[in-house]
Amino acid sequence: MYGKTKKTDTGFWEGCDAMFTTNIGILALITVTALVYLGLLHRVLDRMRLTKIQALIILLAMLGAGFLPNIPIYGGLSVNIGGALIPAAVAVYLIVTADKAAERRRALLTSGVVAALVYLTDKIFAMEPTSPYFIIDPLFIPAIVAAVTAYILGRSRRSAFIGGIFGVILTDLLAWLENLLLYRLHVPIVLGSTGIYGASVIAGLGAVLLAEAAGEILERLQGGPRK
């Protein structure tokens, strides 16, 4: 799922994994778009300083740009516009427009922690489809880790989204650097992988939805919302 330093078998399992990832990506896109259109995520959009129209435009732009050719960078590394550049631009916007410097630091810290945890998890546990430990697809780990980490560090939906997006991108960059510097391998790694269906997009969307659900419960229990 992420750029790994070991070779994996291709064929049936790889095709199944790609198909499964695509279906989850489509479901995530439809779910978030519907929730935004129906106005059910207005609190999330308010905290991200986005209007409903802006959010819908961004989602559609990510979908359309995800089918554009990847942009090659260096040594087998390339970037997908819809799966990495646009989400990263949104994440940067959220960091820049944060009200306090502490919130910006928290978002960056969340991204670093998510990247480290996902990278270590990918190293420690066997996550190939043929592995007996193949219980949950690694695709879902960044979303879960980002949401939990964001709430541990400050209960911020904004931090959850930023952590989900940048966490996966940083993980891929770490894997690319490891391949290039340690093993002298030019293994093709695409930041944003398959566009709107990629792990970074699903991690960002999934993290903010998990954070919103957990936040609603915690805030009701504690007697009020917290930005």
C-alpha atoms as a PDB file:
ATOM      1  CA  MET A   1       0.000   0.000   0.000  1.00  0.00           C
ATOM      2  CA  TYR A   2       2.771   2.379   0.921  1.00  0.00           C
ATOM      3  CA  GLY A   3       6.211   2.379  -0.622  1.00  0.00           C
ATOM      4  CA  LYS A   4       8.007  -0.604   0.873  1.00  0.00           C
ATOM      5  CA  THR A   5      11.605  -1.680   0.743  1.00  0.00           C
ATOM      6  CA  LYS A   6      10.750  -5.304   0.048  1.00  0.00           C
ATOM      7  CA  LYS A   7       9.383  -6.762  -3.140  1.00  0.00           C
ATOM      8  CA  THR A   8       5.835  -8.070  -3.146  1.00  0.00           C
ATOM      9  CA  ASP A   9       4.185 -10.672  -5.318  1.00  0.00           C
ATOM     10  CA  THR A  10       2.052  -9.390  -8.148  1.00  0.00           C
ATOM     11  CA  GLY A  11      -0.996 -10.950  -9.682  1.00  0.00           C
ATOM     12  CA  PHE A  12      -4.285 -12.011  -8.184  1.00  0.00           C
ATOM     13  CA  TRP A  13      -3.872 -10.558  -4.690  1.00  0.00           C
ATOM     14  CA  GLU A  14      -2.532  -7.250  -5.967  1.00  0.00           C
ATOM     15  CA  GLY A  15      -5.518  -6.932  -8.299  1.00  0.00           C
ATOM     16  CA  CYS A  16      -7.932  -7.736  -5.490  1.00  0.00           C
ATOM     17  CA  ASP A  17      -6.269  -5.167  -3.235  1.00  0.00           C
ATOM     18  CA  ALA A  18      -6.448  -2.465  -5.931  1.00  0.00           C
ATOM     19  CA  MET A  19     -10.118  -3.242  -6.596  1.00  0.00           C
ATOM     20  CA  PHE A  20     -10.921  -3.174  -2.886  1.00  0.00           C
ATOM     21  CA  THR A  21      -9.075   0.126  -2.441  1.00  0.00           C
ATOM     22  CA  THR A  22     -10.926   1.682  -5.373  1.00  0.00           C
ATOM     23  CA  ASN A  23     -14.314   0.623  -4.004  1.00  0.00           C
ATOM     24  CA  ILE A  24     -13.500   2.055  -0.586  1.00  0.00           C
ATOM     25  CA  GLY A  25     -12.298   5.281  -2.196  1.00  0.00           C
ATOM     26  CA  ILE A  26     -15.508   5.651  -4.192  1.00  0.00           C
ATOM     27  CA  LEU A  27     -17.599   4.930  -1.096  1.00  0.00           C
ATOM     28  CA  ALA A  28     -15.641   7.493   0.932  1.00  0.00           C
ATOM     29  CA  LEU A  29     -16.049  10.129  -1.790  1.00  0.00           C
ATOM     30  CA  ILE A  30     -19.787   9.507  -2.171  1.00  0.00           C
ATOM     31  CA  THR A  31     -20.310   9.515   1.599  1.00  0.00           C
ATOM     32  CA  VAL A  32     -18.423  12.739   2.238  1.00  0.00           C
ATOM     33  CA  THR A  33     -19.934  14.496  -0.782  1.00  0.00           C
ATOM     34  CA  ALA A  34     -23.442  13.505   0.310  1.00  0.00           C
ATOM     35  CA  LEU A  35     -22.827  14.643   3.891  1.00  0.00           C
ATOM     36  CA  VAL A  36     -21.450  17.965   2.672  1.00  0.00           C
ATOM     37  CA  TYR A  37     -24.299  18.478   0.204  1.00  0.00           C
ATOM     38  CA  LEU A  38     -26.915  17.723   2.876  1.00  0.00           C
ATOM     39  CA  GLY A  39     -25.263  20.148   5.278  1.00  0.00           C
ATOM     40  CA  LEU A  40     -24.482  17.484   7.867  1.00  0.00           C
ATOM     41  CA  LEU A  41     -20.822  18.458   8.064  1.00  0.00           C
ATOM     42  CA  HIS A  42     -21.370  22.175   8.493  1.00  0.00           C
ATOM     43  CA  ARG A  43     -19.520  22.268  11.823  1.00  0.00           C
ATOM     44  CA  VAL A  44     -16.518  20.534  10.298  1.00  0.00           C
ATOM     45  CA  LEU A  45     -16.516  22.935   7.337  1.00  0.00           C
ATOM     46  CA  ASP A  46     -16.846  25.918   9.664  1.00  0.00           C
ATOM     47  CA  ARG A  47     -13.804  24.822  11.629  1.00  0.00           C
ATOM     48  CA  MET A  48     -11.902  24.254   8.402  1.00  0.00           C
ATOM     49  CA  ARG A  49     -13.081  27.642   7.160  1.00  0.00           C
ATOM     50  CA  LEU A  50     -14.633  26.184   4.044  1.00  0.00           C
ATOM     51  CA  THR A  51     -18.083  26.760   2.603  1.00  0.00           C
ATOM     52  CA  LYS A  52     -20.208  23.929   1.269  1.00  0.00           C
ATOM     53  CA  ILE A  53     -19.593  25.046  -2.310  1.00  0.00           C
ATOM     54  CA  GLN A  54     -15.848  25.249  -1.753  1.00  0.00           C
ATOM     55  CA  ALA A  55     -15.791  21.769  -0.224  1.00  0.00           C
ATOM     56  CA  LEU A  56     -17.748  20.283  -3.129  1.00  0.00           C
ATOM     57  CA  ILE A  57     -15.453  21.977  -5.658  1.00  0.00           C
ATOM     58  CA  ILE A  58     -12.388  20.568  -3.871  1.00  0.00           C
ATOM     59  CA  LEU A  59     -13.845  17.041  -3.797  1.00  0.00           C
ATOM     60  CA  LEU A  60     -14.721  17.166  -7.501  1.00  0.00           C
ATOM     61  CA  ALA A  61     -11.318  18.658  -8.354  1.00  0.00           C
ATOM     62  CA  MET A  62      -9.603  15.822  -6.487  1.00  0.00           C
ATOM     63  CA  LEU A  63     -11.689  13.291  -8.359  1.00  0.00           C
ATOM     64  CA  GLY A  64     -11.002  14.795 -11.782  1.00  0.00           C
ATOM     65  CA  ALA A  65      -7.305  15.499 -11.191  1.00  0.00           C
ATOM     66  CA  GLY A  66      -6.781  11.979  -9.881  1.00  0.00           C
ATOM     67  CA  PHE A  67      -7.060  10.700 -13.456  1.00  0.00           C
ATOM     68  CA  LEU A  68      -4.374  13.047 -14.777  1.00  0.00           C
ATOM     69  CA  PRO A  69      -0.851  11.694 -15.419  1.00  0.00           C
ATOM     70  CA  ASN A  70       1.438  11.580 -12.408  1.00  0.00           C
ATOM     71  CA  ILE A  71       4.151  14.224 -12.215  1.00  0.00           C
ATOM     72  CA  PRO A  72       7.636  12.630 -12.067  1.00  0.00           C
ATOM     73  CA  ILE A  73      10.040  14.165  -9.563  1.00  0.00           C
ATOM     74  CA  TYR A  74      13.233  12.139  -9.113  1.00  0.00           C
ATOM     75  CA  GLY A  75      14.497   8.602  -8.587  1.00  0.00           C
ATOM     76  CA  GLY A  76      11.206   6.846  -9.190  1.00  0.00           C
ATOM     77  CA  LEU A  77       9.235   9.316  -7.065  1.00  0.00           C
ATOM     78  CA  SER A  78       6.189  10.943  -8.641  1.00  0.00           C
ATOM     79  CA  VAL A  79       3.109  12.751  -7.369  1.00  0.00           C
ATOM     80  CA  ASN A  80      -0.582  12.457  -8.202  1.00  0.00           C
ATOM     81  CA  ILE A  81      -2.370  15.794  -8.482  1.00  0.00           C
ATOM     82  CA  GLY A  82      -5.740  14.665  -7.150  1.00  0.00           C
ATOM     83  CA  GLY A  83      -4.400  12.278  -4.558  1.00  0.00           C
ATOM     84  CA  ALA A  84      -1.574  14.377  -3.113  1.00  0.00           C
ATOM     85  CA  LEU A  85      -1.164  17.932  -4.440  1.00  0.00           C
ATOM     86  CA  ILE A  86      -4.743  19.135  -3.947  1.00  0.00           C
ATOM     87  CA  PRO A  87      -5.231  17.499  -0.514  1.00  0.00           C
ATOM     88  CA  ALA A  88      -1.813  18.801   0.571  1.00  0.00           C
ATOM     89  CA  ALA A  89      -2.761  22.297  -0.599  1.00  0.00           C
ATOM     90  CA  VAL A  90      -5.948  22.104   1.494  1.00  0.00           C
ATOM     91  CA  ALA A  91      -3.918  20.903   4.482  1.00  0.00           C
ATOM     92  CA  VAL A  92      -1.470  23.795   4.065  1.00  0.00           C
ATOM     93  CA  TYR A  93      -4.435  26.198   3.884  1.00  0.00           C
ATOM     94  CA  LEU A  94      -5.760  24.795   7.156  1.00  0.00           C
ATOM     95  CA  ILE A  95      -2.375  25.236   8.815  1.00  0.00           C
ATOM     96  CA  VAL A  96      -1.967  28.810   7.572  1.00  0.00           C
ATOM     97  CA  THR A  97      -5.487  29.842   8.616  1.00  0.00           C
ATOM     98  CA  ALA A  98      -5.240  28.316  12.095  1.00  0.00           C
ATOM     99  CA  ASP A  99      -6.082  30.862  14.763  1.00  0.00           C
ATOM    100  CA  LYS A 100      -3.192  30.086  17.076  1.00  0.00           C
ATOM    101  CA  ALA A 101       0.436  29.088  16.643  1.00  0.00           C
ATOM    102  CA  ALA A 102      -0.163  26.253  19.101  1.00  0.00           C
ATOM    103  CA  GLU A 103      -2.768  24.781  16.779  1.00  0.00           C
ATOM    104  CA  ARG A 104      -0.355  24.915  13.850  1.00  0.00           C
ATOM    105  CA  ARG A 105       2.317  23.189  15.909  1.00  0.00           C
ATOM    106  CA  ARG A 106      -0.196  20.568  17.010  1.00  0.00           C
ATOM    107  CA  ALA A 107      -1.183  19.841  13.405  1.00  0.00           C
ATOM    108  CA  LEU A 108       2.441  19.436  12.335  1.00  0.00           C
ATOM    109  CA  LEU A 109       3.195  17.278  15.378  1.00  0.00           C
ATOM    110  CA  THR A 110       0.174  15.115  14.577  1.00  0.00           C
ATOM    111  CA  SER A 111       1.438  14.628  11.011  1.00  0.00           C
ATOM    112  CA  GLY A 112       4.853  13.565  12.253  1.00  0.00           C
ATOM    113  CA  VAL A 113       3.461  11.166  14.844  1.00  0.00           C
ATOM    114  CA  VAL A 114       1.041   9.624  12.344  1.00  0.00           C
ATOM    115  CA  ALA A 115       3.830   9.150   9.793  1.00  0.00           C
ATOM    116  CA  ALA A 116       6.103   7.539  12.382  1.00  0.00           C
ATOM    117  CA  LEU A 117       3.398   5.202  13.693  1.00  0.00           C
ATOM    118  CA  VAL A 118       2.221   4.150  10.233  1.00  0.00           C
ATOM    119  CA  TYR A 119       5.822   3.612   9.084  1.00  0.00           C
ATOM    120  CA  LEU A 120       6.664   1.529  12.167  1.00  0.00           C
ATOM    121  CA  THR A 121       3.433  -0.439  11.879  1.00  0.00           C
ATOM    122  CA  ASP A 122       4.211  -1.191   8.257  1.00  0.00           C
ATOM    123  CA  LYS A 123       7.669  -2.391   9.283  1.00  0.00           C
ATOM    124  CA  ILE A 124       6.718  -4.438  12.340  1.00  0.00           C
ATOM    125  CA  PHE A 125       3.568  -6.179  11.171  1.00  0.00           C
ATOM    126  CA  ALA A 126       3.163  -8.269   8.043  1.00  0.00           C
ATOM    127  CA  MET A 127       0.422  -6.651   6.008  1.00  0.00           C
ATOM    128  CA  GLU A 128       0.509  -8.596   2.773  1.00  0.00           C
ATOM    129  CA  PRO A 129      -2.762 -10.241   1.654  1.00  0.00           C
ATOM    130  CA  THR A 130      -1.175 -13.704   1.964  1.00  0.00           C
ATOM    131  CA  SER A 131      -0.102 -13.078   5.549  1.00  0.00           C
ATOM    132  CA  PRO A 132      -1.978 -14.755   8.429  1.00  0.00           C
ATOM    133  CA  TYR A 133      -2.039 -11.299  10.061  1.00  0.00           C
ATOM    134  CA  PHE A 134      -4.013  -9.852   7.157  1.00  0.00           C
ATOM    135  CA  ILE A 135      -7.004  -8.875   9.289  1.00  0.00           C
ATOM    136  CA  ILE A 136      -7.329  -5.205   8.357  1.00  0.00           C
ATOM    137  CA  ASP A 137      -6.128  -3.519   5.193  1.00  0.00           C
ATOM    138  CA  PRO A 138      -3.203  -1.121   5.893  1.00  0.00           C
ATOM    139  CA  LEU A 139      -5.219   1.508   4.033  1.00  0.00           C
ATOM    140  CA  PHE A 140      -7.321   2.089   7.151  1.00  0.00           C
ATOM    141  CA  ILE A 141      -4.441   2.454   9.601  1.00  0.00           C
ATOM    142  CA  PRO A 142      -3.616   6.136   8.820  1.00  0.00           C
ATOM    143  CA  ALA A 143      -7.237   7.228   9.284  1.00  0.00           C
ATOM    144  CA  ILE A 144      -7.533   5.457  12.638  1.00  0.00           C
ATOM    145  CA  VAL A 145      -4.097   6.581  13.850  1.00  0.00           C
ATOM    146  CA  ALA A 146      -4.671  10.174  12.701  1.00  0.00           C
ATOM    147  CA  ALA A 147      -8.031  10.482  14.422  1.00  0.00           C
ATOM    148  CA  VAL A 148      -6.850   8.953  17.699  1.00  0.00           C
ATOM    149  CA  THR A 149      -3.576  10.894  17.681  1.00  0.00           C
ATOM    150  CA  ALA A 150      -5.344  14.186  16.905  1.00  0.00           C
ATOM    151  CA  TYR A 151      -7.624  13.772  19.905  1.00  0.00           C
ATOM    152  CA  ILE A 152      -4.794  12.743  22.183  1.00  0.00           C
ATOM    153  CA  LEU A 153      -2.921  15.883  21.138  1.00  0.00           C
ATOM    154  CA  GLY A 154      -5.832  18.285  21.140  1.00  0.00           C
ATOM    155  CA  ARG A 155      -9.217  16.994  19.909  1.00  0.00           C
ATOM    156  CA  SER A 156      -9.025  18.923  16.645  1.00  0.00           C
ATOM    157  CA  ARG A 157     -10.841  17.944  13.448  1.00  0.00           C
ATOM    158  CA  ARG A 158      -8.399  20.146  11.602  1.00  0.00           C
ATOM    159  CA  SER A 159      -5.415  18.287  13.054  1.00  0.00           C
ATOM    160  CA  ALA A 160      -7.033  14.962  12.189  1.00  0.00           C
ATOM    161  CA  PHE A 161      -7.394  15.904   8.518  1.00  0.00           C
ATOM    162  CA  ILE A 162      -3.905  17.387   8.281  1.00  0.00           C
ATOM    163  CA  GLY A 163      -2.429  14.392  10.094  1.00  0.00           C
ATOM    164  CA  GLY A 164      -4.207  11.931   7.816  1.00  0.00           C
ATOM    165  CA  ILE A 165      -3.039  13.645   4.628  1.00  0.00           C
ATOM    166  CA  PHE A 166       0.523  14.533   5.578  1.00  0.00           C
ATOM    167  CA  GLY A 167       1.009  11.370   7.631  1.00  0.00           C
ATOM    168  CA  VAL A 168       0.582   9.115   4.595  1.00  0.00           C
ATOM    169  CA  ILE A 169       2.580  11.387   2.294  1.00  0.00           C
ATOM    170  CA  LEU A 170       5.457  11.513   4.801  1.00  0.00           C
ATOM    171  CA  THR A 171       5.317   7.723   5.150  1.00  0.00           C
ATOM    172  CA  ASP A 172       5.721   7.299   1.400  1.00  0.00           C
ATOM    173  CA  LEU A 173       8.563   9.823   1.370  1.00  0.00           C
ATOM    174  CA  LEU A 174      10.348   7.927   4.157  1.00  0.00           C
ATOM    175  CA  ALA A 175       9.994   4.669   2.225  1.00  0.00           C
ATOM    176  CA  TRP A 176      11.301   6.321  -0.952  1.00  0.00           C
ATOM    177  CA  LEU A 177      14.313   7.782   0.857  1.00  0.00           C
ATOM    178  CA  GLU A 178      15.045   4.433   2.479  1.00  0.00           C
ATOM    179  CA  ASN A 179      14.974   2.677  -0.879  1.00  0.00           C
ATOM    180  CA  LEU A 180      17.103   5.344  -2.518  1.00  0.00           C
ATOM    181  CA  LEU A 181      19.710   5.974   0.191  1.00  0.00           C
ATOM    182  CA  LEU A 182      20.048   2.612   1.934  1.00  0.00           C
ATOM    183  CA  TYR A 183      19.339   0.120  -0.827  1.00  0.00           C
ATOM    184  CA  ARG A 184      20.190   2.210  -3.901  1.00  0.00           C
ATOM    185  CA  LEU A 185      16.879   1.188  -5.443  1.00  0.00           C
ATOM    186  CA  HIS A 186      14.758   3.371  -7.703  1.00  0.00           C
ATOM    187  CA  VAL A 187      11.465   1.809  -6.648  1.00  0.00           C
ATOM    188  CA  PRO A 188       8.493   3.639  -8.224  1.00  0.00           C
ATOM    189  CA  ILE A 189       6.510   5.398  -5.493  1.00  0.00           C
ATOM    190  CA  VAL A 190       3.583   7.683  -6.236  1.00  0.00           C
ATOM    191  CA  LEU A 191       2.549  10.240  -3.634  1.00  0.00           C
ATOM    192  CA  GLY A 192      -1.226  10.115  -3.642  1.00  0.00           C
ATOM    193  CA  SER A 193      -1.081   6.708  -5.371  1.00  0.00           C
ATOM    194  CA  THR A 194      -4.389   6.274  -7.231  1.00  0.00           C
ATOM    195  CA  GLY A 195      -5.841   9.741  -6.815  1.00  0.00           C
ATOM    196  CA  ILE A 196      -9.113  10.023  -4.905  1.00  0.00           C
ATOM    197  CA  TYR A 197      -8.854   6.288  -4.233  1.00  0.00           C
ATOM    198  CA  GLY A 198      -5.421   6.590  -2.626  1.00  0.00           C
ATOM    199  CA  ALA A 199      -4.512   6.058   1.009  1.00  0.00           C
ATOM    200  CA  SER A 200      -3.716   9.727   1.682  1.00  0.00           C
ATOM    201  CA  VAL A 201      -7.164  10.911   0.584  1.00  0.00           C
ATOM    202  CA  ILE A 202      -9.002   8.134   2.414  1.00  0.00           C
ATOM    203  CA  ALA A 203      -6.860   8.734   5.495  1.00  0.00           C
ATOM    204  CA  GLY A 204      -7.675  12.454   5.528  1.00  0.00           C
ATOM    205  CA  LEU A 205     -11.401  11.991   4.935  1.00  0.00           C
ATOM    206  CA  GLY A 206     -11.618   9.018   7.267  1.00  0.00           C
ATOM    207  CA  ALA A 207      -9.687  10.773  10.011  1.00  0.00           C
ATOM    208  CA  VAL A 208     -11.874  13.866  10.002  1.00  0.00           C
ATOM    209  CA  LEU A 209     -15.060  11.757   9.999  1.00  0.00           C
ATOM    210  CA  LEU A 210     -13.772   9.636  12.877  1.00  0.00           C
ATOM    211  CA  ALA A 211     -12.675  12.751  14.713  1.00  0.00           C
ATOM    212  CA  GLU A 212     -16.072  14.382  14.173  1.00  0.00           C
ATOM    213  CA  ALA A 213     -17.943  11.328  15.437  1.00  0.00           C
ATOM    214  CA  ALA A 214     -15.681  10.946  18.469  1.00  0.00           C
ATOM    215  CA  GLY A 215     -15.747  14.701  19.046  1.00  0.00           C
ATOM    216  CA  GLU A 216     -19.531  14.860  19.074  1.00  0.00           C
ATOM    217  CA  ILE A 217     -19.682  12.136  21.710  1.00  0.00           C
ATOM    218  CA  LEU A 218     -16.931  13.623  23.878  1.00  0.00           C
ATOM    219  CA  GLU A 219     -18.273  17.153  23.601  1.00  0.00           C
ATOM    220  CA  ARG A 220     -21.780  16.097  24.592  1.00  0.00           C
ATOM    221  CA  LEU A 221     -20.409  14.183  27.555  1.00  0.00           C
ATOM    222  CA  GLN A 222     -18.321  17.170  28.622  1.00  0.00           C
ATOM    223  CA  GLY A 223     -21.120  19.675  28.156  1.00  0.00           C
ATOM    224  CA  GLY A 224     -20.193  21.679  25.062  1.00  0.00           C
ATOM    225  CA  PRO A 225     -18.196  21.988  21.842  1.00  0.00           C
ATOM    226  CA  ARG A 226     -14.551  22.798  21.635  1.00  0.00           C
ATOM    227  CA  LYS A 227     -12.890  24.067  18.480  1.00  0.00           C
END
